[in-house]
Amino acid sequence: MTDYLIIGQGLAGSLLSHFLIKKGNTVAFVDNSHKGASSAIAAGIINPITGRHYVKSWKTDELLPVAFRTYEELSAIVGQQIFYPKNVTMLFRDAETANNWLARSAEPALEGYIAPNFDLENYRKYFGESVCAGVEFQKSGRCDMPGFIVAWKKYLKDHHYQYLEEAFDYNALEIGEESVVYKGISAKKLIFCEGAAAERNPFFSHLHYKPAKGEMLLVRIPGYNLNDKLAKDGIFIVPLDNELYWVGSSYNRDFENSEPTELEYNNLVKELSEMLKIPFTVEQHFAAIRPTVRDRKPYLGPHPKFPLLFIFNGLGAKGSSLGPFYAEHFADYLEGVTALDKEVAISRLKPLK
């Protein structure tokens, strides 16, 4: 019998399994090869200062040290680099936005996050003379989510953890008093880490989601020499490798499916064309559904009626920052080390009747 059966090997399930294995547990997975999962195509940006008003992200002082430590640990385990430290650049094209940022930049809470020596002329080479100002944030970077998920799957299989590649069938789950059984896999506890698919989970149907569809491009930009920056000028340009860049993304709550659309393709190409003064070619167009939550805080906790069932989900657009901290926290909770943080516990929502 395995200790934990995890449904979904996206970012949440992968990170949680890492911390459970560190504690000496066995894990098993059911995953449908990450089809439609936002983790499989996400840029994995860690940005400490976000939003139109450039405020410090929720709990960022606590989240970032755990994220950096965790990605370093995982890089050593899977034998490949997972996290790439890079400054995040915000570019301004109007004086009002630049002045608003200047007024905020001296706030004590931002100390240590603003990188020194912003070089405006270096950005104008690629983004044009209409860029009037900007700022770089440090203690930031990119988690290679797709690379990590693929490498972690290989690690799990190489170490002979049970791994069933299929869509989870809720009707096939047998729930006992001391264990659960799914198609021959017996486990002491089961954890749903399904991402956007959790909206269809009959056991946690009382949880509220606001799924958002994101579309992004894989673009080749010869001669773009800002590979140590994650530059945002409306949309992000994120360096990958060999003149390839992740560009995006759109954010749409009104969608029919997870397929890329011509409308958003044209919007992204238009926006990138207006941003850059150098040519580019589009290599691929992607789309996925983000498992966003209405209060923008993840869902952690046990089922109110079935004590062997749990959920760890809703990491949303900031999953690369939130994931390591709350995966470690949830592993500690599952192992009886700590109480569950009330801010993210699903008990904060209206319980099942």
Protein backbone atom coordinates (compact mmCIF):
# COMPACT_ATOMS: atom_id res chain seq x y z
CA MET A 1 0.00 0.00 0.00
CA THR A 2 1.26 3.47 -0.90
CA ASP A 3 1.07 6.35 1.53
CA TYR A 4 -0.37 8.95 -0.84
CA LEU A 5 -2.20 8.69 -4.15
CA ILE A 6 -1.95 12.02 -5.97
CA ILE A 7 -4.34 12.90 -8.79
CA GLY A 8 -2.60 15.24 -11.22
CA GLN A 9 1.13 15.69 -11.79
CA GLY A 10 1.15 19.36 -12.64
CA LEU A 11 3.09 21.85 -10.56
CA ALA A 12 1.03 21.32 -7.39
CA GLY A 13 1.16 17.52 -7.46
CA SER A 14 4.84 17.43 -8.39
CA LEU A 15 5.91 19.82 -5.63
CA LEU A 16 3.75 18.13 -3.00
CA SER A 17 5.11 14.71 -3.87
CA HIS A 18 8.67 16.05 -3.51
CA PHE A 19 8.04 17.13 0.07
CA LEU A 20 6.15 13.94 0.95
CA ILE A 21 8.98 11.81 -0.42
CA LYS A 22 11.49 13.89 1.59
CA LYS A 23 9.56 12.83 4.69
CA GLY A 24 9.99 9.15 3.81
CA ASN A 25 6.60 8.53 2.21
CA THR A 26 5.68 6.59 -0.90
CA VAL A 27 3.51 8.19 -3.56
CA ALA A 28 1.53 7.07 -6.58
CA PHE A 29 0.11 9.18 -9.40
CA VAL A 30 -2.81 9.22 -11.78
CA ASP A 31 -2.27 11.78 -14.54
CA ASN A 32 -3.46 12.17 -18.13
CA SER A 33 -0.09 13.40 -19.45
CA HIS A 34 -0.88 16.99 -18.36
CA LYS A 35 -3.33 17.51 -21.25
CA GLY A 36 -4.70 21.03 -21.06
CA ALA A 37 -2.70 21.77 -17.91
CA SER A 38 -1.48 25.34 -17.52
CA SER A 39 1.71 24.06 -15.84
CA ALA A 40 2.74 22.39 -19.08
CA ILE A 41 3.02 25.68 -20.99
CA ALA A 42 3.37 28.33 -18.27
CA ALA A 43 6.27 30.79 -18.24
CA GLY A 44 6.76 30.21 -14.50
CA ILE A 45 7.52 33.86 -13.76
CA ILE A 46 8.37 34.78 -10.18
CA ASN A 47 7.78 38.49 -9.79
CA PRO A 48 7.75 40.04 -6.30
CA ILE A 49 6.06 43.30 -7.38
CA THR A 50 2.87 43.02 -9.41
CA GLY A 51 -0.34 44.70 -10.47
CA ARG A 52 -1.17 48.06 -11.97
CA HIS A 53 -0.17 49.76 -8.74
CA TYR A 54 3.12 47.85 -8.38
CA VAL A 55 2.56 46.40 -4.93
CA LYS A 56 4.44 43.61 -3.22
CA SER A 57 2.75 40.28 -3.87
CA TRP A 58 0.89 38.55 -1.03
CA LYS A 59 3.33 36.92 1.46
CA THR A 60 6.22 37.36 -0.96
CA ASP A 61 8.80 37.79 1.83
CA GLU A 62 7.87 34.30 3.08
CA LEU A 63 7.26 32.65 -0.29
CA LEU A 64 10.39 33.52 -2.20
CA PRO A 65 13.07 32.01 0.08
CA VAL A 66 11.18 28.69 0.08
CA ALA A 67 10.73 28.82 -3.70
CA PHE A 68 14.42 29.47 -4.40
CA ARG A 69 15.53 26.76 -1.96
CA THR A 70 13.04 24.23 -3.34
CA TYR A 71 13.95 24.75 -6.98
CA GLU A 72 17.62 24.41 -6.10
CA GLU A 73 16.88 21.10 -4.32
CA LEU A 74 14.83 19.82 -7.26
CA SER A 75 17.45 20.86 -9.80
CA ALA A 76 19.97 18.68 -7.95
CA ILE A 77 17.52 15.75 -7.76
CA VAL A 78 16.53 15.68 -11.44
CA GLY A 79 19.94 16.76 -12.74
CA GLN A 80 18.86 19.81 -14.71
CA GLN A 81 18.37 23.50 -14.05
CA ILE A 82 14.81 24.34 -13.06
CA PHE A 83 15.05 27.96 -11.94
CA TYR A 84 16.68 30.85 -13.81
CA PRO A 85 17.29 34.01 -11.75
CA LYS A 86 16.50 37.04 -13.91
CA ASN A 87 15.37 40.58 -13.19
CA VAL A 88 11.80 41.47 -14.11
CA THR A 89 11.54 44.69 -16.10
CA MET A 90 8.46 46.91 -16.25
CA LEU A 91 8.55 49.47 -19.08
CA PHE A 92 6.51 52.69 -19.10
CA ARG A 93 5.39 54.56 -22.21
CA ASP A 94 3.55 57.46 -20.57
CA ALA A 95 4.67 60.04 -18.02
CA GLU A 96 1.71 59.49 -15.70
CA THR A 97 2.53 55.80 -15.15
CA ALA A 98 6.21 56.64 -14.70
CA ASN A 99 5.39 59.34 -12.15
CA ASN A 100 3.02 57.06 -10.26
CA TRP A 101 5.78 54.46 -9.98
CA LEU A 102 8.31 57.09 -8.89
CA ALA A 103 5.98 58.10 -6.04
CA ARG A 104 5.73 54.48 -4.87
CA SER A 105 9.35 53.49 -5.33
CA ALA A 106 10.53 54.93 -2.01
CA GLU A 107 8.12 52.83 0.08
CA PRO A 108 10.01 50.83 2.74
CA ALA A 109 8.16 47.61 1.80
CA LEU A 110 9.82 47.65 -1.63
CA GLU A 111 13.34 47.97 -0.26
CA GLY A 112 15.59 45.22 -1.55
CA TYR A 113 13.36 44.37 -4.49
CA ILE A 114 14.27 47.28 -6.79
CA ALA A 115 17.40 46.58 -8.82
CA PRO A 116 19.90 49.46 -9.15
CA ASN A 117 21.13 51.12 -12.35
CA PHE A 118 18.17 50.80 -14.71
CA ASP A 119 19.50 51.41 -18.25
CA LEU A 120 16.72 53.03 -20.27
CA GLU A 121 18.74 53.30 -23.49
CA ASN A 122 19.43 49.58 -23.50
CA TYR A 123 15.68 48.90 -23.66
CA ARG A 124 15.01 51.58 -26.26
CA LYS A 125 17.22 49.63 -28.69
CA TYR A 126 14.51 46.98 -28.85
CA PHE A 127 11.32 48.71 -27.66
CA GLY A 128 11.73 52.14 -29.24
CA GLU A 129 12.07 55.76 -28.15
CA SER A 130 8.48 55.96 -26.84
CA VAL A 131 9.58 54.03 -23.73
CA CYS A 132 10.05 56.92 -21.31
CA ALA A 133 11.03 55.05 -18.13
CA GLY A 134 11.07 51.69 -16.40
CA VAL A 135 12.15 49.67 -13.41
CA GLU A 136 13.83 46.32 -12.79
CA PHE A 137 12.86 44.09 -9.88
CA GLN A 138 15.29 41.60 -8.39
CA LYS A 139 14.73 38.45 -6.30
CA SER A 140 12.82 37.25 -9.34
CA GLY A 141 13.18 34.84 -12.22
CA ARG A 142 11.66 31.98 -14.18
CA CYS A 143 10.81 28.45 -13.15
CA ASP A 144 10.95 26.06 -16.09
CA MET A 145 7.63 24.42 -15.22
CA PRO A 146 7.29 22.25 -18.34
CA GLY A 147 10.87 21.03 -18.03
CA PHE A 148 10.46 20.31 -14.33
CA ILE A 149 7.21 18.39 -14.77
CA VAL A 150 8.68 16.17 -17.49
CA ALA A 151 11.88 15.60 -15.48
CA TRP A 152 9.92 14.83 -12.30
CA LYS A 153 7.78 12.29 -14.12
CA LYS A 154 10.95 10.55 -15.28
CA TYR A 155 12.34 10.65 -11.74
CA LEU A 156 9.16 9.05 -10.36
CA LYS A 157 9.21 6.28 -12.95
CA ASP A 158 12.95 5.69 -12.58
CA HIS A 159 12.41 5.21 -8.85
CA HIS A 160 9.50 2.82 -9.47
CA TYR A 161 6.68 4.88 -8.03
CA GLN A 162 3.30 3.76 -9.34
CA TYR A 163 2.16 5.97 -12.18
CA LEU A 164 -1.10 5.45 -14.04
CA GLU A 165 -1.37 7.52 -17.22
CA GLU A 166 -5.05 8.19 -17.77
CA ALA A 167 -7.84 10.60 -16.95
CA PHE A 168 -9.08 9.96 -13.41
CA ASP A 169 -12.41 8.12 -13.20
CA TYR A 170 -14.22 9.28 -10.05
CA ASN A 171 -16.65 6.35 -10.27
CA ALA A 172 -13.77 3.87 -9.98
CA LEU A 173 -12.65 5.21 -6.60
CA GLU A 174 -13.40 3.01 -3.59
CA ILE A 175 -13.31 4.82 -0.25
CA GLY A 176 -12.85 2.72 2.88
CA GLU A 177 -12.37 3.64 6.51
CA GLU A 178 -8.59 3.19 6.49
CA SER A 179 -7.64 3.32 2.81
CA VAL A 180 -8.77 4.22 -0.69
CA VAL A 181 -8.43 1.98 -3.76
CA TYR A 182 -8.27 3.08 -7.38
CA LYS A 183 -7.86 0.44 -10.10
CA GLY A 184 -5.62 -1.73 -7.98
CA ILE A 185 -3.70 1.11 -6.32
CA SER A 186 -4.28 1.16 -2.56
CA ALA A 187 -3.37 4.27 -0.59
CA LYS A 188 -3.73 5.60 2.93
CA LYS A 189 -4.73 9.03 1.63
CA LEU A 190 -5.71 10.57 -1.70
CA ILE A 191 -4.93 14.15 -2.74
CA PHE A 192 -6.53 15.91 -5.69
CA CYS A 193 -4.10 18.24 -7.49
CA GLU A 194 -6.06 18.55 -10.71
CA GLY A 195 -5.62 22.18 -11.68
CA ALA A 196 -8.50 23.56 -13.74
CA ALA A 197 -10.01 20.07 -14.04
CA ALA A 198 -10.95 20.27 -10.35
CA GLU A 199 -14.01 22.27 -11.33
CA ARG A 200 -15.56 18.94 -12.37
CA ASN A 201 -14.54 17.10 -9.20
CA PRO A 202 -17.75 15.77 -7.56
CA PHE A 203 -16.11 15.46 -4.13
CA PHE A 204 -15.12 19.13 -3.95
CA SER A 205 -17.93 20.67 -5.98
CA HIS A 206 -18.58 23.24 -3.24
CA LEU A 207 -15.29 25.02 -3.98
CA HIS A 208 -15.49 28.16 -6.07
CA TYR A 209 -13.26 28.69 -9.09
CA LYS A 210 -12.89 31.50 -11.61
CA PRO A 211 -10.96 29.70 -14.35
CA ALA A 212 -9.12 31.90 -16.80
CA LYS A 213 -7.89 30.94 -20.24
CA GLY A 214 -4.43 32.09 -21.21
CA GLU A 215 -2.97 32.10 -24.71
CA MET A 216 0.70 32.64 -25.49
CA LEU A 217 3.19 32.46 -28.34
CA LEU A 218 6.57 30.84 -28.88
CA VAL A 219 8.47 33.44 -30.87
CA ARG A 220 11.90 33.67 -32.50
CA ILE A 221 13.49 37.12 -32.13
CA PRO A 222 16.96 37.30 -33.75
CA GLY A 223 19.13 40.07 -32.34
CA TYR A 224 17.16 40.54 -29.12
CA ASN A 225 19.90 40.69 -26.47
CA LEU A 226 17.99 41.02 -23.21
CA ASN A 227 18.23 37.37 -22.29
CA ASP A 228 18.94 38.12 -18.63
CA LYS A 229 15.63 40.03 -18.28
CA LEU A 230 11.95 39.16 -18.14
CA ALA A 231 10.60 42.26 -19.88
CA LYS A 232 6.99 43.43 -19.62
CA ASP A 233 5.53 46.13 -21.82
CA GLY A 234 1.86 45.17 -21.68
CA ILE A 235 2.78 41.51 -22.23
CA PHE A 236 5.86 39.57 -21.14
CA ILE A 237 8.82 38.54 -23.27
CA VAL A 238 10.50 35.62 -21.50
CA PRO A 239 13.83 34.23 -22.79
CA LEU A 240 13.97 30.47 -23.33
CA ASP A 241 16.83 29.27 -25.57
CA ASN A 242 18.32 29.69 -29.06
CA GLU A 243 16.56 32.98 -29.86
CA LEU A 244 13.24 31.54 -28.68
CA TYR A 245 10.95 33.50 -26.36
CA TRP A 246 7.71 32.86 -24.52
CA VAL A 247 5.38 35.79 -25.19
CA GLY A 248 2.11 36.40 -23.40
CA SER A 249 -0.25 36.03 -22.12
CA SER A 250 -3.90 36.80 -22.60
CA TYR A 251 -6.32 36.49 -19.68
CA ASN A 252 -9.86 35.55 -20.62
CA ARG A 253 -12.65 34.39 -18.29
CA ASP A 254 -15.17 34.00 -21.13
CA PHE A 255 -14.12 30.95 -23.16
CA GLU A 256 -15.61 27.83 -24.71
CA ASN A 257 -12.66 25.43 -24.58
CA SER A 258 -8.92 25.21 -24.03
CA GLU A 259 -7.99 25.47 -27.73
CA PRO A 260 -5.97 28.42 -29.10
CA THR A 261 -8.05 31.02 -30.93
CA GLU A 262 -7.34 33.12 -34.00
CA LEU A 263 -8.57 36.22 -32.18
CA GLU A 264 -6.02 36.00 -29.37
CA TYR A 265 -3.28 35.00 -31.79
CA ASN A 266 -3.89 38.19 -33.75
CA ASN A 267 -4.09 40.25 -30.55
CA LEU A 268 -0.77 38.92 -29.26
CA VAL A 269 0.99 39.38 -32.61
CA LYS A 270 -0.37 42.94 -32.87
CA GLU A 271 0.72 43.81 -29.34
CA LEU A 272 4.19 42.35 -29.85
CA SER A 273 4.55 44.19 -33.17
CA GLU A 274 3.70 47.46 -31.44
CA MET A 275 6.18 46.74 -28.63
CA LEU A 276 9.24 45.68 -30.60
CA LYS A 277 11.17 47.64 -33.20
CA ILE A 278 12.98 44.51 -34.43
CA PRO A 279 11.44 41.66 -36.50
CA PHE A 280 10.20 38.34 -35.09
CA THR A 281 8.57 35.14 -36.32
CA VAL A 282 5.92 33.11 -34.51
CA GLU A 283 6.85 29.44 -34.09
CA GLN A 284 3.89 28.13 -32.06
CA HIS A 285 0.64 29.24 -30.41
CA PHE A 286 -0.54 27.69 -27.11
CA ALA A 287 -3.51 27.92 -24.77
CA ALA A 288 -4.43 26.50 -21.37
CA ILE A 289 -6.87 27.02 -18.50
CA ARG A 290 -5.57 28.42 -15.22
CA PRO A 291 -7.18 27.10 -11.99
CA THR A 292 -7.70 30.55 -10.48
CA VAL A 293 -9.64 31.03 -7.25
CA ARG A 294 -11.97 33.93 -6.47
CA ASP A 295 -9.97 35.20 -3.50
CA ARG A 296 -6.68 34.37 -5.27
CA LYS A 297 -5.53 32.07 -2.49
CA PRO A 298 -4.97 28.33 -2.98
CA TYR A 299 -7.24 25.56 -1.73
CA LEU A 300 -5.78 23.17 0.85
CA GLY A 301 -7.51 20.77 3.17
CA PRO A 302 -9.48 17.60 3.85
CA HIS A 303 -12.90 16.71 2.52
CA PRO A 304 -15.54 17.58 5.14
CA LYS A 305 -17.13 14.11 4.97
CA PHE A 306 -14.40 11.76 3.68
CA PRO A 307 -11.33 12.19 5.91
CA LEU A 308 -9.00 10.27 3.56
CA LEU A 309 -9.61 12.68 0.67
CA PHE A 310 -7.74 16.00 0.38
CA ILE A 311 -7.23 18.79 -2.10
CA PHE A 312 -4.21 20.94 -2.98
CA ASN A 313 -5.19 23.20 -5.85
CA GLY A 314 -5.84 26.71 -7.12
CA LEU A 315 -2.27 27.98 -7.29
CA GLY A 316 -3.26 30.16 -10.24
CA ALA A 317 -1.03 32.54 -12.19
CA LYS A 318 1.46 32.87 -9.30
CA GLY A 319 1.89 29.13 -8.84
CA SER A 320 5.67 29.18 -9.27
CA SER A 321 5.88 31.51 -6.24
CA LEU A 322 3.09 30.02 -4.11
CA GLY A 323 3.62 26.36 -4.93
CA PRO A 324 6.81 25.47 -3.02
CA PHE A 325 5.78 27.24 0.20
CA TYR A 326 2.31 25.70 0.35
CA ALA A 327 3.41 22.28 -0.87
CA GLU A 328 5.84 22.12 2.04
CA HIS A 329 3.21 23.47 4.41
CA PHE A 330 0.61 20.95 3.24
CA ALA A 331 3.05 18.06 3.50
CA ASP A 332 3.74 19.12 7.11
CA TYR A 333 -0.01 19.23 7.76
CA LEU A 334 -0.63 15.81 6.21
CA GLU A 335 2.13 14.34 8.36
CA GLY A 336 0.75 15.92 11.54
CA VAL A 337 3.60 18.41 11.97
CA THR A 338 1.53 21.59 11.81
CA ALA A 339 -1.99 22.95 11.72
CA LEU A 340 -3.39 24.13 8.41
CA ASP A 341 -3.03 27.82 7.60
CA LYS A 342 -6.55 29.27 7.91
CA GLU A 343 -5.95 31.70 5.04
CA VAL A 344 -5.74 28.84 2.53
CA ALA A 345 -7.79 26.13 4.26
CA ILE A 346 -10.92 25.19 2.34
CA SER A 347 -12.81 25.49 5.63
CA ARG A 348 -12.81 29.27 4.92
CA LEU A 349 -15.60 28.53 2.41
CA LYS A 350 -19.18 27.57 3.01
CA PRO A 351 -19.13 23.88 4.09
CA LEU A 352 -21.12 21.07 2.50
CA LYS A 353 -24.59 20.53 3.98
